[in-house]
């Protein structure tokens, strides 16, 4: 699956503030998920819907070491 890396500012704000809706890390900000967990999804498959799209985008961001670009967006509304 190919990821659209041309996210608009509102999408980046949504990603920075999205929380994991299920599992061991339920309630945690997606950007605070451990990298091995995000990598696991990349190998096993992303959930359907917005959570899957956000996790996929997060994988690309983490893979390229760009998480620090999202941190200033935490707490903002898009």
C-alpha atoms as a PDB file:
ATOM      1  CA  UNK A   1       0.000   0.000   0.000  1.00  0.00           C
ATOM      2  CA  UNK A   2       1.345   3.397  -0.924  1.00  0.00           C
ATOM      3  CA  UNK A   3       1.080   6.237   1.584  1.00  0.00           C
ATOM      4  CA  UNK A   4       0.160   9.763   0.540  1.00  0.00           C
ATOM      5  CA  UNK A   5       2.858  11.816   2.263  1.00  0.00           C
ATOM      6  CA  UNK A   6       1.406  15.129   1.091  1.00  0.00           C
ATOM      7  CA  UNK A   7      -0.731  15.561   4.203  1.00  0.00           C
ATOM      8  CA  UNK A   8      -2.391  18.907   4.700  1.00  0.00           C
ATOM      9  CA  UNK A   9      -1.836  20.841   7.961  1.00  0.00           C
ATOM     10  CA  UNK A  10      -5.196  19.748   9.402  1.00  0.00           C
ATOM     11  CA  UNK A  11      -4.283  16.085   8.814  1.00  0.00           C
ATOM     12  CA  UNK A  12      -0.947  16.551  10.555  1.00  0.00           C
ATOM     13  CA  UNK A  13      -2.692  18.167  13.534  1.00  0.00           C
ATOM     14  CA  UNK A  14      -5.188  15.286  13.605  1.00  0.00           C
ATOM     15  CA  UNK A  15      -2.299  12.782  13.551  1.00  0.00           C
ATOM     16  CA  UNK A  16      -0.421  14.601  16.316  1.00  0.00           C
ATOM     17  CA  UNK A  17      -3.500  14.480  18.562  1.00  0.00           C
ATOM     18  CA  UNK A  18      -4.970  11.081  17.659  1.00  0.00           C
ATOM     19  CA  UNK A  19      -5.100   8.461  20.388  1.00  0.00           C
ATOM     20  CA  UNK A  20      -4.860   4.713  20.057  1.00  0.00           C
ATOM     21  CA  UNK A  21      -8.444   3.458  20.336  1.00  0.00           C
ATOM     22  CA  UNK A  22      -7.710  -0.167  21.322  1.00  0.00           C
ATOM     23  CA  UNK A  23      -5.195  -2.670  22.628  1.00  0.00           C
ATOM     24  CA  UNK A  24      -2.294  -2.474  25.032  1.00  0.00           C
ATOM     25  CA  UNK A  25      -1.691   1.218  24.288  1.00  0.00           C
ATOM     26  CA  UNK A  26      -5.328   2.300  24.290  1.00  0.00           C
ATOM     27  CA  UNK A  27      -5.651   6.012  25.050  1.00  0.00           C
ATOM     28  CA  UNK A  28      -2.011   6.827  24.277  1.00  0.00           C
ATOM     29  CA  UNK A  29      -1.199   9.426  21.630  1.00  0.00           C
ATOM     30  CA  UNK A  30      -0.264   7.671  18.399  1.00  0.00           C
ATOM     31  CA  UNK A  31       2.984   9.634  18.224  1.00  0.00           C
ATOM     32  CA  UNK A  32       3.913   8.184  21.637  1.00  0.00           C
ATOM     33  CA  UNK A  33       3.501   4.578  20.517  1.00  0.00           C
ATOM     34  CA  UNK A  34       6.728   2.580  20.659  1.00  0.00           C
ATOM     35  CA  UNK A  35       8.335   2.341  17.239  1.00  0.00           C
ATOM     36  CA  UNK A  36       8.397  -1.500  17.259  1.00  0.00           C
ATOM     37  CA  UNK A  37       4.596  -1.475  17.728  1.00  0.00           C
ATOM     38  CA  UNK A  38       4.130   0.829  14.737  1.00  0.00           C
ATOM     39  CA  UNK A  39       6.522  -1.335  12.694  1.00  0.00           C
ATOM     40  CA  UNK A  40       4.513  -4.418  13.703  1.00  0.00           C
ATOM     41  CA  UNK A  41       1.406  -2.893  12.106  1.00  0.00           C
ATOM     42  CA  UNK A  42       3.380  -2.192   8.936  1.00  0.00           C
ATOM     43  CA  UNK A  43       4.152  -5.912   8.676  1.00  0.00           C
ATOM     44  CA  UNK A  44       0.861  -7.389   9.910  1.00  0.00           C
ATOM     45  CA  UNK A  45      -1.523  -4.867   8.358  1.00  0.00           C
ATOM     46  CA  UNK A  46      -3.136  -1.658   9.490  1.00  0.00           C
ATOM     47  CA  UNK A  47      -6.648  -1.513  10.916  1.00  0.00           C
ATOM     48  CA  UNK A  48      -9.355  -0.269   8.582  1.00  0.00           C
ATOM     49  CA  UNK A  49     -10.507   3.320   8.629  1.00  0.00           C
ATOM     50  CA  UNK A  50      -8.909   6.485   9.910  1.00  0.00           C
ATOM     51  CA  UNK A  51      -6.853   4.768  12.621  1.00  0.00           C
ATOM     52  CA  UNK A  52      -5.184   2.616   9.989  1.00  0.00           C
ATOM     53  CA  UNK A  53      -4.489   5.584   7.739  1.00  0.00           C
ATOM     54  CA  UNK A  54      -3.013   7.544  10.644  1.00  0.00           C
ATOM     55  CA  UNK A  55      -0.850   4.604  11.754  1.00  0.00           C
ATOM     56  CA  UNK A  56       0.402   4.172   8.217  1.00  0.00           C
ATOM     57  CA  UNK A  57       1.333   7.854   7.982  1.00  0.00           C
ATOM     58  CA  UNK A  58       2.946   7.646  11.423  1.00  0.00           C
ATOM     59  CA  UNK A  59       5.051   4.701  10.258  1.00  0.00           C
ATOM     60  CA  UNK A  60       6.438   6.773   7.381  1.00  0.00           C
ATOM     61  CA  UNK A  61       7.117   9.687   9.727  1.00  0.00           C
ATOM     62  CA  UNK A  62       8.862   7.498  12.328  1.00  0.00           C
ATOM     63  CA  UNK A  63      10.778   5.606   9.638  1.00  0.00           C
ATOM     64  CA  UNK A  64      12.242   8.912   8.494  1.00  0.00           C
ATOM     65  CA  UNK A  65      12.945  10.229  12.016  1.00  0.00           C
ATOM     66  CA  UNK A  66      10.467  13.097  11.745  1.00  0.00           C
ATOM     67  CA  UNK A  67       8.373  12.595  14.904  1.00  0.00           C
ATOM     68  CA  UNK A  68       9.776  15.809  16.366  1.00  0.00           C
ATOM     69  CA  UNK A  69       7.913  17.746  13.677  1.00  0.00           C
ATOM     70  CA  UNK A  70       4.591  16.524  15.071  1.00  0.00           C
ATOM     71  CA  UNK A  71       5.303  17.251  18.748  1.00  0.00           C
ATOM     72  CA  UNK A  72       4.612  21.031  18.495  1.00  0.00           C
ATOM     73  CA  UNK A  73       1.183  20.207  17.040  1.00  0.00           C
ATOM     74  CA  UNK A  74      -0.007  18.297  20.130  1.00  0.00           C
ATOM     75  CA  UNK A  75      -2.880  20.166  21.742  1.00  0.00           C
ATOM     76  CA  UNK A  76      -3.735  22.136  18.596  1.00  0.00           C
ATOM     77  CA  UNK A  77      -7.098  21.837  16.902  1.00  0.00           C
ATOM     78  CA  UNK A  78      -7.311  21.483  13.158  1.00  0.00           C
END
